[in-house]
């Protein structure tokens, strides 16, 4: 049985695959992938993942806007931001909106540790 189900939202297919491989090796089940924030919100509504991994800079809808919409749908959503944009104000804004953590790329190995904390 998987540790948790995951939705990965990142406009880079390479990054989605990297995160998917990493999390799959650690017992997480990837149930959906989105190339933009708009699709991430839609997939959250339809797939109900345990965790959302959300990039910050994406087309159609950025990660902060997607995070806000997901938190409106489900105030208890477990969303981890994973972005190369690690400016302090973006991290603070994401955490205020409701993100559980903010991982700065390329340090995605920290992602597993972050998710493990959410489910321990």
PDB file of N, CA and C in Angstrom:
ATOM      1  N   UNK A   1       0.852  -1.181   0.000  1.00  0.00           N
ATOM      2  CA  UNK A   1       0.000   0.000   0.000  1.00  0.00           C
ATOM      3  C   UNK A   1       0.899   1.247   0.000  1.00  0.00           C
ATOM      4  N   UNK A   2       0.569   2.228  -0.841  1.00  0.00           N
ATOM      5  CA  UNK A   2       1.414   3.433  -0.917  1.00  0.00           C
ATOM      6  C   UNK A   2       1.316   4.255   0.360  1.00  0.00           C
ATOM      7  N   UNK A   3       2.387   5.001   0.625  1.00  0.00           N
ATOM      8  CA  UNK A   3       2.398   5.894   1.794  1.00  0.00           C
ATOM      9  C   UNK A   3       1.348   6.974   1.636  1.00  0.00           C
ATOM     10  N   UNK A   4       1.237   7.519   0.415  1.00  0.00           N
ATOM     11  CA  UNK A   4       0.279   8.581   0.127  1.00  0.00           C
ATOM     12  C   UNK A   4       0.191   8.748  -1.390  1.00  0.00           C
ATOM     13  N   UNK A   5      -0.925   9.322  -1.837  1.00  0.00           N
ATOM     14  CA  UNK A   5      -1.080   9.616  -3.256  1.00  0.00           C
ATOM     15  C   UNK A   5      -0.629  11.052  -3.515  1.00  0.00           C
ATOM     16  N   UNK A   6      -0.051  11.264  -4.709  1.00  0.00           N
ATOM     17  CA  UNK A   6       0.581  12.552  -5.000  1.00  0.00           C
ATOM     18  C   UNK A   6       0.164  13.078  -6.371  1.00  0.00           C
ATOM     19  N   UNK A   7      -0.074  14.376  -6.424  1.00  0.00           N
ATOM     20  CA  UNK A   7      -0.258  15.131  -7.663  1.00  0.00           C
ATOM     21  C   UNK A   7       0.979  16.007  -7.829  1.00  0.00           C
ATOM     22  N   UNK A   8       1.639  15.896  -8.983  1.00  0.00           N
ATOM     23  CA  UNK A   8       2.820  16.717  -9.270  1.00  0.00           C
ATOM     24  C   UNK A   8       2.446  17.747 -10.323  1.00  0.00           C
ATOM     25  N   UNK A   9       2.649  19.019 -10.020  1.00  0.00           N
ATOM     26  CA  UNK A   9       2.365  20.097 -10.972  1.00  0.00           C
ATOM     27  C   UNK A   9       3.654  20.877 -11.236  1.00  0.00           C
ATOM     28  N   UNK A  10       4.146  20.751 -12.454  1.00  0.00           N
ATOM     29  CA  UNK A  10       5.364  21.455 -12.860  1.00  0.00           C
ATOM     30  C   UNK A  10       5.318  21.559 -14.381  1.00  0.00           C
ATOM     31  N   UNK A  11       5.684  22.718 -14.926  1.00  0.00           N
ATOM     32  CA  UNK A  11       5.633  22.878 -16.378  1.00  0.00           C
ATOM     33  C   UNK A  11       6.759  22.132 -17.081  1.00  0.00           C
ATOM     34  N   UNK A  12       7.763  21.690 -16.352  1.00  0.00           N
ATOM     35  CA  UNK A  12       8.876  20.944 -16.934  1.00  0.00           C
ATOM     36  C   UNK A  12       8.618  19.441 -16.816  1.00  0.00           C
ATOM     37  N   UNK A  13       8.471  18.774 -17.963  1.00  0.00           N
ATOM     38  CA  UNK A  13       8.270  17.327 -17.949  1.00  0.00           C
ATOM     39  C   UNK A  13       9.472  16.636 -17.309  1.00  0.00           C
ATOM     40  N   UNK A  14      10.671  17.153 -17.574  1.00  0.00           N
ATOM     41  CA  UNK A  14      11.877  16.589 -16.972  1.00  0.00           C
ATOM     42  C   UNK A  14      11.766  16.615 -15.442  1.00  0.00           C
ATOM     43  N   UNK A  15      11.359  17.739 -14.884  1.00  0.00           N
ATOM     44  CA  UNK A  15      11.247  17.864 -13.428  1.00  0.00           C
ATOM     45  C   UNK A  15      10.129  16.975 -12.896  1.00  0.00           C
ATOM     46  N   UNK A  16       8.995  16.907 -13.605  1.00  0.00           N
ATOM     47  CA  UNK A  16       7.915  16.009 -13.167  1.00  0.00           C
ATOM     48  C   UNK A  16       8.419  14.575 -13.105  1.00  0.00           C
ATOM     49  N   UNK A  17       9.166  14.151 -14.134  1.00  0.00           N
ATOM     50  CA  UNK A  17       9.688  12.786 -14.155  1.00  0.00           C
ATOM     51  C   UNK A  17      10.697  12.554 -13.036  1.00  0.00           C
ATOM     52  N   UNK A  18      11.542  13.536 -12.778  1.00  0.00           N
ATOM     53  CA  UNK A  18      12.538  13.427 -11.709  1.00  0.00           C
ATOM     54  C   UNK A  18      11.848  13.262 -10.349  1.00  0.00           C
ATOM     55  N   UNK A  19      10.858  14.101 -10.090  1.00  0.00           N
ATOM     56  CA  UNK A  19      10.120  14.027  -8.820  1.00  0.00           C
ATOM     57  C   UNK A  19       9.343  12.719  -8.742  1.00  0.00           C
ATOM     58  N   UNK A  20       8.706  12.340  -9.850  1.00  0.00           N
ATOM     59  CA  UNK A  20       7.935  11.102  -9.879  1.00  0.00           C
ATOM     60  C   UNK A  20       8.813   9.896  -9.556  1.00  0.00           C
ATOM     61  N   UNK A  21       9.985   9.820 -10.180  1.00  0.00           N
ATOM     62  CA  UNK A  21      10.898   8.704  -9.918  1.00  0.00           C
ATOM     63  C   UNK A  21      11.352   8.688  -8.471  1.00  0.00           C
ATOM     64  N   UNK A  22      11.718   9.859  -7.952  1.00  0.00           N
ATOM     65  CA  UNK A  22      12.185   9.965  -6.569  1.00  0.00           C
ATOM     66  C   UNK A  22      11.106   9.512  -5.592  1.00  0.00           C
ATOM     67  N   UNK A  23       9.909  10.041  -5.734  1.00  0.00           N
ATOM     68  CA  UNK A  23       8.837   9.713  -4.791  1.00  0.00           C
ATOM     69  C   UNK A  23       8.376   8.270  -4.932  1.00  0.00           C
ATOM     70  N   UNK A  24       8.328   7.763  -6.155  1.00  0.00           N
ATOM     71  CA  UNK A  24       7.925   6.372  -6.373  1.00  0.00           C
ATOM     72  C   UNK A  24       8.886   5.410  -5.670  1.00  0.00           C
ATOM     73  N   UNK A  25      10.172   5.725  -5.729  1.00  0.00           N
ATOM     74  CA  UNK A  25      11.169   4.873  -5.060  1.00  0.00           C
ATOM     75  C   UNK A  25      11.003   4.885  -3.539  1.00  0.00           C
ATOM     76  N   UNK A  26      10.340   5.899  -3.016  1.00  0.00           N
ATOM     77  CA  UNK A  26      10.148   6.005  -1.570  1.00  0.00           C
ATOM     78  C   UNK A  26       8.716   5.663  -1.137  1.00  0.00           C
ATOM     79  N   UNK A  27       7.988   4.976  -1.989  1.00  0.00           N
ATOM     80  CA  UNK A  27       6.683   4.446  -1.605  1.00  0.00           C
ATOM     81  C   UNK A  27       5.484   5.334  -1.828  1.00  0.00           C
ATOM     82  N   UNK A  28       5.662   6.458  -2.505  1.00  0.00           N
ATOM     83  CA  UNK A  28       4.530   7.338  -2.805  1.00  0.00           C
ATOM     84  C   UNK A  28       3.950   6.968  -4.165  1.00  0.00           C
ATOM     85  N   UNK A  29       2.632   7.085  -4.298  1.00  0.00           N
ATOM     86  CA  UNK A  29       1.962   6.756  -5.553  1.00  0.00           C
ATOM     87  C   UNK A  29       1.570   8.044  -6.281  1.00  0.00           C
ATOM     88  N   UNK A  30       2.119   8.238  -7.479  1.00  0.00           N
ATOM     89  CA  UNK A  30       1.787   9.413  -8.281  1.00  0.00           C
ATOM     90  C   UNK A  30       0.492   9.107  -9.025  1.00  0.00           C
ATOM     91  N   UNK A  31      -0.557   9.859  -8.722  1.00  0.00           N
ATOM     92  CA  UNK A  31      -1.848   9.588  -9.356  1.00  0.00           C
ATOM     93  C   UNK A  31      -2.197  10.590 -10.443  1.00  0.00           C
ATOM     94  N   UNK A  32      -1.455  11.707 -10.503  1.00  0.00           N
ATOM     95  CA  UNK A  32      -1.746  12.701 -11.538  1.00  0.00           C
ATOM     96  C   UNK A  32      -0.563  13.645 -11.700  1.00  0.00           C
ATOM     97  N   UNK A  33      -0.459  14.203 -12.919  1.00  0.00           N
ATOM     98  CA  UNK A  33       0.569  15.198 -13.235  1.00  0.00           C
ATOM     99  C   UNK A  33      -0.092  16.338 -13.989  1.00  0.00           C
ATOM    100  N   UNK A  34       0.379  17.551 -13.720  1.00  0.00           N
ATOM    101  CA  UNK A  34      -0.169  18.733 -14.386  1.00  0.00           C
ATOM    102  C   UNK A  34       0.972  19.613 -14.885  1.00  0.00           C
ATOM    103  N   UNK A  35       0.839  20.134 -16.117  1.00  0.00           N
ATOM    104  CA  UNK A  35       1.866  21.024 -16.656  1.00  0.00           C
ATOM    105  C   UNK A  35       1.652  22.495 -16.313  1.00  0.00           C
ATOM    106  N   UNK A  36       0.566  22.793 -15.585  1.00  0.00           N
ATOM    107  CA  UNK A  36       0.267  24.179 -15.223  1.00  0.00           C
ATOM    108  C   UNK A  36      -0.652  24.212 -14.010  1.00  0.00           C
ATOM    109  N   UNK A  37      -0.788  25.387 -13.418  1.00  0.00           N
ATOM    110  CA  UNK A  37      -1.597  25.534 -12.218  1.00  0.00           C
ATOM    111  C   UNK A  37      -3.082  25.305 -12.441  1.00  0.00           C
ATOM    112  N   UNK A  38      -3.588  25.695 -13.587  1.00  0.00           N
ATOM    113  CA  UNK A  38      -5.002  25.502 -13.906  1.00  0.00           C
ATOM    114  C   UNK A  38      -5.349  24.019 -13.865  1.00  0.00           C
ATOM    115  N   UNK A  39      -4.544  23.205 -14.555  1.00  0.00           N
ATOM    116  CA  UNK A  39      -4.782  21.758 -14.572  1.00  0.00           C
ATOM    117  C   UNK A  39      -4.593  21.156 -13.179  1.00  0.00           C
ATOM    118  N   UNK A  40      -3.654  21.689 -12.405  1.00  0.00           N
ATOM    119  CA  UNK A  40      -3.423  21.185 -11.051  1.00  0.00           C
ATOM    120  C   UNK A  40      -4.677  21.347 -10.192  1.00  0.00           C
ATOM    121  N   UNK A  41      -5.309  22.498 -10.258  1.00  0.00           N
ATOM    122  CA  UNK A  41      -6.526  22.740  -9.481  1.00  0.00           C
ATOM    123  C   UNK A  41      -7.625  21.773  -9.928  1.00  0.00           C
ATOM    124  N   UNK A  42      -7.805  21.623 -11.226  1.00  0.00           N
ATOM    125  CA  UNK A  42      -8.820  20.703 -11.750  1.00  0.00           C
ATOM    126  C   UNK A  42      -8.539  19.265 -11.286  1.00  0.00           C
ATOM    127  N   UNK A  43      -7.283  18.834 -11.396  1.00  0.00           N
ATOM    128  CA  UNK A  43      -6.930  17.474 -10.987  1.00  0.00           C
ATOM    129  C   UNK A  43      -7.076  17.283  -9.477  1.00  0.00           C
ATOM    130  N   UNK A  44      -6.827  18.322  -8.702  1.00  0.00           N
ATOM    131  CA  UNK A  44      -7.035  18.214  -7.259  1.00  0.00           C
ATOM    132  C   UNK A  44      -8.504  17.916  -6.966  1.00  0.00           C
ATOM    133  N   UNK A  45      -9.388  18.626  -7.670  1.00  0.00           N
ATOM    134  CA  UNK A  45     -10.832  18.430  -7.464  1.00  0.00           C
ATOM    135  C   UNK A  45     -11.272  17.020  -7.843  1.00  0.00           C
ATOM    136  N   UNK A  46     -10.707  16.481  -8.913  1.00  0.00           N
ATOM    137  CA  UNK A  46     -11.180  15.190  -9.415  1.00  0.00           C
ATOM    138  C   UNK A  46     -10.444  13.986  -8.838  1.00  0.00           C
ATOM    139  N   UNK A  47      -9.169  14.136  -8.493  1.00  0.00           N
ATOM    140  CA  UNK A  47      -8.367  12.993  -8.030  1.00  0.00           C
ATOM    141  C   UNK A  47      -8.216  12.925  -6.509  1.00  0.00           C
ATOM    142  N   UNK A  48      -8.362  14.030  -5.815  1.00  0.00           N
ATOM    143  CA  UNK A  48      -8.250  14.096  -4.351  1.00  0.00           C
ATOM    144  C   UNK A  48      -6.956  13.466  -3.826  1.00  0.00           C
ATOM    145  N   UNK A  49      -5.801  13.950  -4.274  1.00  0.00           N
ATOM    146  CA  UNK A  49      -4.537  13.376  -3.799  1.00  0.00           C
ATOM    147  C   UNK A  49      -4.290  13.733  -2.332  1.00  0.00           C
ATOM    148  N   UNK A  50      -3.458  12.927  -1.679  1.00  0.00           N
ATOM    149  CA  UNK A  50      -3.075  13.216  -0.297  1.00  0.00           C
ATOM    150  C   UNK A  50      -2.108  14.393  -0.245  1.00  0.00           C
ATOM    151  N   UNK A  51      -1.279  14.525  -1.292  1.00  0.00           N
ATOM    152  CA  UNK A  51      -0.228  15.549  -1.332  1.00  0.00           C
ATOM    153  C   UNK A  51      -0.200  16.178  -2.720  1.00  0.00           C
ATOM    154  N   UNK A  52       0.095  17.469  -2.771  1.00  0.00           N
ATOM    155  CA  UNK A  52       0.331  18.164  -4.038  1.00  0.00           C
ATOM    156  C   UNK A  52       1.739  18.749  -3.986  1.00  0.00           C
ATOM    157  N   UNK A  53       2.518  18.465  -5.028  1.00  0.00           N
ATOM    158  CA  UNK A  53       3.829  19.081  -5.211  1.00  0.00           C
ATOM    159  C   UNK A  53       3.615  20.143  -6.280  1.00  0.00           C
ATOM    160  N   UNK A  54       3.852  21.397  -5.944  1.00  0.00           N
ATOM    161  CA  UNK A  54       3.461  22.498  -6.810  1.00  0.00           C
ATOM    162  C   UNK A  54       4.649  23.403  -7.135  1.00  0.00           C
ATOM    163  N   UNK A  55       4.933  23.546  -8.436  1.00  0.00           N
ATOM    164  CA  UNK A  55       5.951  24.484  -8.897  1.00  0.00           C
ATOM    165  C   UNK A  55       5.386  25.891  -8.760  1.00  0.00           C
ATOM    166  N   UNK A  56       6.250  26.861  -8.711  1.00  0.00           N
ATOM    167  CA  UNK A  56       5.818  28.248  -8.552  1.00  0.00           C
ATOM    168  C   UNK A  56       5.529  28.917  -9.897  1.00  0.00           C
ATOM    169  N   UNK A  57       6.469  28.809 -10.834  1.00  0.00           N
ATOM    170  CA  UNK A  57       6.328  29.471 -12.129  1.00  0.00           C
ATOM    171  C   UNK A  57       5.820  28.470 -13.160  1.00  0.00           C
ATOM    172  N   UNK A  58       4.557  28.654 -13.571  1.00  0.00           N
ATOM    173  CA  UNK A  58       3.921  27.780 -14.563  1.00  0.00           C
ATOM    174  C   UNK A  58       3.007  28.618 -15.446  1.00  0.00           C
ATOM    175  N   UNK A  59       2.738  28.128 -16.646  1.00  0.00           N
ATOM    176  CA  UNK A  59       1.808  28.848 -17.528  1.00  0.00           C
ATOM    177  C   UNK A  59       0.356  28.677 -17.073  1.00  0.00           C
ATOM    178  N   UNK A  60      -0.521  29.456 -17.657  1.00  0.00           N
ATOM    179  CA  UNK A  60      -1.970  29.477 -17.417  1.00  0.00           C
ATOM    180  C   UNK A  60      -2.338  29.946 -16.016  1.00  0.00           C
ATOM    181  N   UNK A  61      -1.664  29.398 -14.990  1.00  0.00           N
ATOM    182  CA  UNK A  61      -1.899  29.828 -13.611  1.00  0.00           C
ATOM    183  C   UNK A  61      -0.641  29.490 -12.824  1.00  0.00           C
ATOM    184  N   UNK A  62      -0.101  30.478 -12.113  1.00  0.00           N
ATOM    185  CA  UNK A  62       1.124  30.211 -11.359  1.00  0.00           C
ATOM    186  C   UNK A  62       0.829  29.399 -10.095  1.00  0.00           C
ATOM    187  N   UNK A  63       1.882  28.939  -9.452  1.00  0.00           N
ATOM    188  CA  UNK A  63       1.740  28.080  -8.292  1.00  0.00           C
ATOM    189  C   UNK A  63       1.063  28.721  -7.096  1.00  0.00           C
ATOM    190  N   UNK A  64       1.317  30.009  -6.859  1.00  0.00           N
ATOM    191  CA  UNK A  64       0.665  30.677  -5.727  1.00  0.00           C
ATOM    192  C   UNK A  64      -0.839  30.786  -5.933  1.00  0.00           C
ATOM    193  N   UNK A  65      -1.254  31.103  -7.155  1.00  0.00           N
ATOM    194  CA  UNK A  65      -2.695  31.180  -7.439  1.00  0.00           C
ATOM    195  C   UNK A  65      -3.341  29.800  -7.340  1.00  0.00           C
ATOM    196  N   UNK A  66      -2.648  28.788  -7.842  1.00  0.00           N
ATOM    197  CA  UNK A  66      -3.156  27.415  -7.737  1.00  0.00           C
ATOM    198  C   UNK A  66      -3.245  27.002  -6.267  1.00  0.00           C
ATOM    199  N   UNK A  67      -2.237  27.347  -5.484  1.00  0.00           N
ATOM    200  CA  UNK A  67      -2.240  27.043  -4.056  1.00  0.00           C
ATOM    201  C   UNK A  67      -3.448  27.683  -3.374  1.00  0.00           C
ATOM    202  N   UNK A  68      -3.704  28.948  -3.674  1.00  0.00           N
ATOM    203  CA  UNK A  68      -4.863  29.631  -3.081  1.00  0.00           C
ATOM    204  C   UNK A  68      -6.161  28.908  -3.419  1.00  0.00           C
ATOM    205  N   UNK A  69      -6.319  28.518  -4.682  1.00  0.00           N
ATOM    206  CA  UNK A  69      -7.552  27.838  -5.090  1.00  0.00           C
ATOM    207  C   UNK A  69      -7.681  26.468  -4.433  1.00  0.00           C
ATOM    208  N   UNK A  70      -6.571  25.737  -4.354  1.00  0.00           N
ATOM    209  CA  UNK A  70      -6.608  24.418  -3.716  1.00  0.00           C
ATOM    210  C   UNK A  70      -6.964  24.567  -2.236  1.00  0.00           C
ATOM    211  N   UNK A  71      -6.415  25.565  -1.565  1.00  0.00           N
ATOM    212  CA  UNK A  71      -6.710  25.775  -0.146  1.00  0.00           C
ATOM    213  C   UNK A  71      -8.167  26.208   0.060  1.00  0.00           C
ATOM    214  N   UNK A  72      -8.758  26.888  -0.932  1.00  0.00           N
ATOM    215  CA  UNK A  72     -10.177  27.232  -0.843  1.00  0.00           C
ATOM    216  C   UNK A  72     -11.043  25.982  -0.981  1.00  0.00           C
ATOM    217  N   UNK A  73     -10.615  25.065  -1.853  1.00  0.00           N
ATOM    218  CA  UNK A  73     -11.333  23.804  -2.046  1.00  0.00           C
ATOM    219  C   UNK A  73     -11.223  22.947  -0.791  1.00  0.00           C
ATOM    220  N   UNK A  74     -10.002  22.891  -0.227  1.00  0.00           N
ATOM    221  CA  UNK A  74      -9.729  22.016   0.911  1.00  0.00           C
ATOM    222  C   UNK A  74      -8.711  22.687   1.841  1.00  0.00           C
ATOM    223  N   UNK A  75      -9.196  23.325   2.897  1.00  0.00           N
ATOM    224  CA  UNK A  75      -8.284  24.016   3.820  1.00  0.00           C
ATOM    225  C   UNK A  75      -7.260  23.088   4.485  1.00  0.00           C
ATOM    226  N   UNK A  76      -7.495  21.786   4.450  1.00  0.00           N
ATOM    227  CA  UNK A  76      -6.568  20.820   5.044  1.00  0.00           C
ATOM    228  C   UNK A  76      -5.618  20.209   4.016  1.00  0.00           C
ATOM    229  N   UNK A  77      -5.618  20.725   2.790  1.00  0.00           N
ATOM    230  CA  UNK A  77      -4.759  20.171   1.735  1.00  0.00           C
ATOM    231  C   UNK A  77      -3.290  20.225   2.151  1.00  0.00           C
ATOM    232  N   UNK A  78      -2.571  19.187   1.789  1.00  0.00           N
ATOM    233  CA  UNK A  78      -1.129  19.125   2.062  1.00  0.00           C
ATOM    234  C   UNK A  78      -0.404  19.460   0.759  1.00  0.00           C
ATOM    235  N   UNK A  79       0.071  20.694   0.670  1.00  0.00           N
ATOM    236  CA  UNK A  79       0.738  21.183  -0.529  1.00  0.00           C
ATOM    237  C   UNK A  79       2.168  21.568  -0.172  1.00  0.00           C
ATOM    238  N   UNK A  80       3.115  21.060  -0.970  1.00  0.00           N
ATOM    239  CA  UNK A  80       4.517  21.412  -0.811  1.00  0.00           C
ATOM    240  C   UNK A  80       4.949  22.132  -2.080  1.00  0.00           C
ATOM    241  N   UNK A  81       5.441  23.342  -1.930  1.00  0.00           N
ATOM    242  CA  UNK A  81       5.957  24.098  -3.064  1.00  0.00           C
ATOM    243  C   UNK A  81       7.370  23.596  -3.364  1.00  0.00           C
ATOM    244  N   UNK A  82       7.676  23.471  -4.639  1.00  0.00           N
ATOM    245  CA  UNK A  82       8.999  23.002  -5.057  1.00  0.00           C
ATOM    246  C   UNK A  82       9.394  23.848  -6.263  1.00  0.00           C
ATOM    247  N   UNK A  83      10.264  24.836  -6.033  1.00  0.00           N
ATOM    248  CA  UNK A  83      10.556  25.798  -7.082  1.00  0.00           C
ATOM    249  C   UNK A  83      12.006  26.251  -7.055  1.00  0.00           C
ATOM    250  N   UNK A  84      12.495  26.685  -8.203  1.00  0.00           N
ATOM    251  CA  UNK A  84      13.837  27.260  -8.259  1.00  0.00           C
ATOM    252  C   UNK A  84      13.819  28.711  -7.777  1.00  0.00           C
ATOM    253  N   UNK A  85      12.646  29.283  -7.635  1.00  0.00           N
ATOM    254  CA  UNK A  85      12.482  30.655  -7.144  1.00  0.00           C
ATOM    255  C   UNK A  85      12.392  30.609  -5.624  1.00  0.00           C
ATOM    256  N   UNK A  86      13.531  30.750  -4.959  1.00  0.00           N
ATOM    257  CA  UNK A  86      13.558  30.591  -3.519  1.00  0.00           C
ATOM    258  C   UNK A  86      13.605  31.890  -2.741  1.00  0.00           C
ATOM    259  N   UNK A  87      13.134  32.984  -3.325  1.00  0.00           N
ATOM    260  CA  UNK A  87      13.155  34.254  -2.612  1.00  0.00           C
ATOM    261  C   UNK A  87      12.319  34.159  -1.338  1.00  0.00           C
ATOM    262  N   UNK A  88      12.807  34.784  -0.298  1.00  0.00           N
ATOM    263  CA  UNK A  88      12.175  34.683   1.016  1.00  0.00           C
ATOM    264  C   UNK A  88      10.712  35.125   0.985  1.00  0.00           C
ATOM    265  N   UNK A  89      10.411  36.209   0.273  1.00  0.00           N
ATOM    266  CA  UNK A  89       9.034  36.702   0.276  1.00  0.00           C
ATOM    267  C   UNK A  89       8.078  35.704  -0.377  1.00  0.00           C
ATOM    268  N   UNK A  90       8.549  34.962  -1.399  1.00  0.00           N
ATOM    269  CA  UNK A  90       7.698  33.949  -2.037  1.00  0.00           C
ATOM    270  C   UNK A  90       7.464  32.779  -1.094  1.00  0.00           C
ATOM    271  N   UNK A  91       8.502  32.392  -0.384  1.00  0.00           N
ATOM    272  CA  UNK A  91       8.379  31.303   0.581  1.00  0.00           C
ATOM    273  C   UNK A  91       7.383  31.683   1.667  1.00  0.00           C
ATOM    274  N   UNK A  92       7.527  32.892   2.211  1.00  0.00           N
ATOM    275  CA  UNK A  92       6.629  33.357   3.271  1.00  0.00           C
ATOM    276  C   UNK A  92       5.194  33.434   2.765  1.00  0.00           C
ATOM    277  N   UNK A  93       5.020  33.972   1.562  1.00  0.00           N
ATOM    278  CA  UNK A  93       3.664  34.079   0.996  1.00  0.00           C
ATOM    279  C   UNK A  93       3.033  32.701   0.834  1.00  0.00           C
ATOM    280  N   UNK A  94       3.788  31.742   0.297  1.00  0.00           N
ATOM    281  CA  UNK A  94       3.258  30.388   0.098  1.00  0.00           C
ATOM    282  C   UNK A  94       2.879  29.748   1.436  1.00  0.00           C
ATOM    283  N   UNK A  95       3.713  29.913   2.442  1.00  0.00           N
ATOM    284  CA  UNK A  95       3.425  29.339   3.756  1.00  0.00           C
ATOM    285  C   UNK A  95       2.217  30.012   4.402  1.00  0.00           C
ATOM    286  N   UNK A  96       2.057  31.319   4.204  1.00  0.00           N
ATOM    287  CA  UNK A  96       0.888  32.030   4.737  1.00  0.00           C
ATOM    288  C   UNK A  96      -0.398  31.554   4.064  1.00  0.00           C
ATOM    289  N   UNK A  97      -0.317  31.277   2.769  1.00  0.00           N
ATOM    290  CA  UNK A  97      -1.497  30.801   2.037  1.00  0.00           C
ATOM    291  C   UNK A  97      -1.888  29.405   2.525  1.00  0.00           C
ATOM    292  N   UNK A  98      -0.890  28.612   2.916  1.00  0.00           N
ATOM    293  CA  UNK A  98      -1.224  27.275   3.432  1.00  0.00           C
ATOM    294  C   UNK A  98      -0.284  26.153   3.035  1.00  0.00           C
ATOM    295  N   UNK A  99       0.766  26.462   2.277  1.00  0.00           N
ATOM    296  CA  UNK A  99       1.726  25.409   1.917  1.00  0.00           C
ATOM    297  C   UNK A  99       2.362  24.850   3.185  1.00  0.00           C
ATOM    298  N   UNK A 100       2.635  23.566   3.182  1.00  0.00           N
ATOM    299  CA  UNK A 100       3.232  22.908   4.348  1.00  0.00           C
ATOM    300  C   UNK A 100       4.750  23.049   4.356  1.00  0.00           C
ATOM    301  N   UNK A 101       5.339  23.266   3.170  1.00  0.00           N
ATOM    302  CA  UNK A 101       6.788  23.409   3.079  1.00  0.00           C
ATOM    303  C   UNK A 101       7.117  24.059   1.742  1.00  0.00           C
ATOM    304  N   UNK A 102       8.359  24.502   1.603  1.00  0.00           N
ATOM    305  CA  UNK A 102       8.833  25.140   0.370  1.00  0.00           C
ATOM    306  C   UNK A 102      10.240  24.609   0.124  1.00  0.00           C
ATOM    307  N   UNK A 103      10.396  23.782  -0.893  1.00  0.00           N
ATOM    308  CA  UNK A 103      11.682  23.179  -1.246  1.00  0.00           C
ATOM    309  C   UNK A 103      12.238  23.937  -2.455  1.00  0.00           C
ATOM    310  N   UNK A 104      13.489  24.357  -2.354  1.00  0.00           N
ATOM    311  CA  UNK A 104      14.125  25.077  -3.454  1.00  0.00           C
ATOM    312  C   UNK A 104      14.892  24.086  -4.329  1.00  0.00           C
ATOM    313  N   UNK A 105      14.550  24.078  -5.633  1.00  0.00           N
ATOM    314  CA  UNK A 105      15.276  23.245  -6.585  1.00  0.00           C
ATOM    315  C   UNK A 105      16.706  23.768  -6.666  1.00  0.00           C
ATOM    316  N   UNK A 106      17.682  22.972  -6.855  1.00  0.00           N
ATOM    317  CA  UNK A 106      17.637  21.554  -7.229  1.00  0.00           C
ATOM    318  C   UNK A 106      17.685  20.615  -6.043  1.00  0.00           C
ATOM    319  N   UNK A 107      17.368  21.057  -4.861  1.00  0.00           N
ATOM    320  CA  UNK A 107      17.506  20.219  -3.671  1.00  0.00           C
ATOM    321  C   UNK A 107      16.276  19.357  -3.433  1.00  0.00           C
ATOM    322  N   UNK A 108      15.814  18.666  -4.462  1.00  0.00           N
ATOM    323  CA  UNK A 108      14.574  17.905  -4.327  1.00  0.00           C
ATOM    324  C   UNK A 108      14.727  16.670  -3.455  1.00  0.00           C
ATOM    325  N   UNK A 109      15.960  16.261  -3.139  1.00  0.00           N
ATOM    326  CA  UNK A 109      16.132  15.138  -2.215  1.00  0.00           C
ATOM    327  C   UNK A 109      15.489  15.482  -0.867  1.00  0.00           C
ATOM    328  N   UNK A 110      15.425  16.761  -0.529  1.00  0.00           N
ATOM    329  CA  UNK A 110      14.769  17.202   0.699  1.00  0.00           C
ATOM    330  C   UNK A 110      13.256  16.969   0.644  1.00  0.00           C
ATOM    331  N   UNK A 111      12.727  16.800  -0.555  1.00  0.00           N
ATOM    332  CA  UNK A 111      11.296  16.620  -0.735  1.00  0.00           C
ATOM    333  C   UNK A 111      10.798  15.380  -0.001  1.00  0.00           C
ATOM    334  N   UNK A 112      11.512  14.283  -0.112  1.00  0.00           N
ATOM    335  CA  UNK A 112      11.099  13.051   0.556  1.00  0.00           C
ATOM    336  C   UNK A 112      11.053  13.268   2.065  1.00  0.00           C
ATOM    337  N   UNK A 113      12.057  13.913   2.607  1.00  0.00           N
ATOM    338  CA  UNK A 113      12.099  14.191   4.045  1.00  0.00           C
ATOM    339  C   UNK A 113      10.892  15.053   4.453  1.00  0.00           C
ATOM    340  N   UNK A 114      10.559  16.035   3.632  1.00  0.00           N
ATOM    341  CA  UNK A 114       9.436  16.918   3.914  1.00  0.00           C
ATOM    342  C   UNK A 114       8.117  16.140   3.908  1.00  0.00           C
ATOM    343  N   UNK A 115       7.928  15.292   2.903  1.00  0.00           N
ATOM    344  CA  UNK A 115       6.683  14.513   2.811  1.00  0.00           C
ATOM    345  C   UNK A 115       6.600  13.493   3.934  1.00  0.00           C
ATOM    346  N   UNK A 116       7.727  12.876   4.257  1.00  0.00           N
ATOM    347  CA  UNK A 116       7.731  11.907   5.350  1.00  0.00           C
ATOM    348  C   UNK A 116       7.256  12.541   6.654  1.00  0.00           C
ATOM    349  N   UNK A 117       7.644  13.804   6.885  1.00  0.00           N
ATOM    350  CA  UNK A 117       7.219  14.512   8.099  1.00  0.00           C
ATOM    351  C   UNK A 117       5.699  14.699   8.129  1.00  0.00           C
ATOM    352  N   UNK A 118       5.105  14.923   6.946  1.00  0.00           N
ATOM    353  CA  UNK A 118       3.647  15.113   6.888  1.00  0.00           C
ATOM    354  C   UNK A 118       2.876  13.844   7.229  1.00  0.00           C
ATOM    355  N   UNK A 119       3.514  12.682   7.041  1.00  0.00           N
ATOM    356  CA  UNK A 119       2.832  11.410   7.241  1.00  0.00           C
ATOM    357  C   UNK A 119       3.476  10.551   8.305  1.00  0.00           C
ATOM    358  N   UNK A 120       4.152  11.183   9.260  1.00  0.00           N
ATOM    359  CA  UNK A 120       4.753  10.389  10.343  1.00  0.00           C
ATOM    360  C   UNK A 120       3.955  10.560  11.624  1.00  0.00           C
TER     361      UNK A 120
END
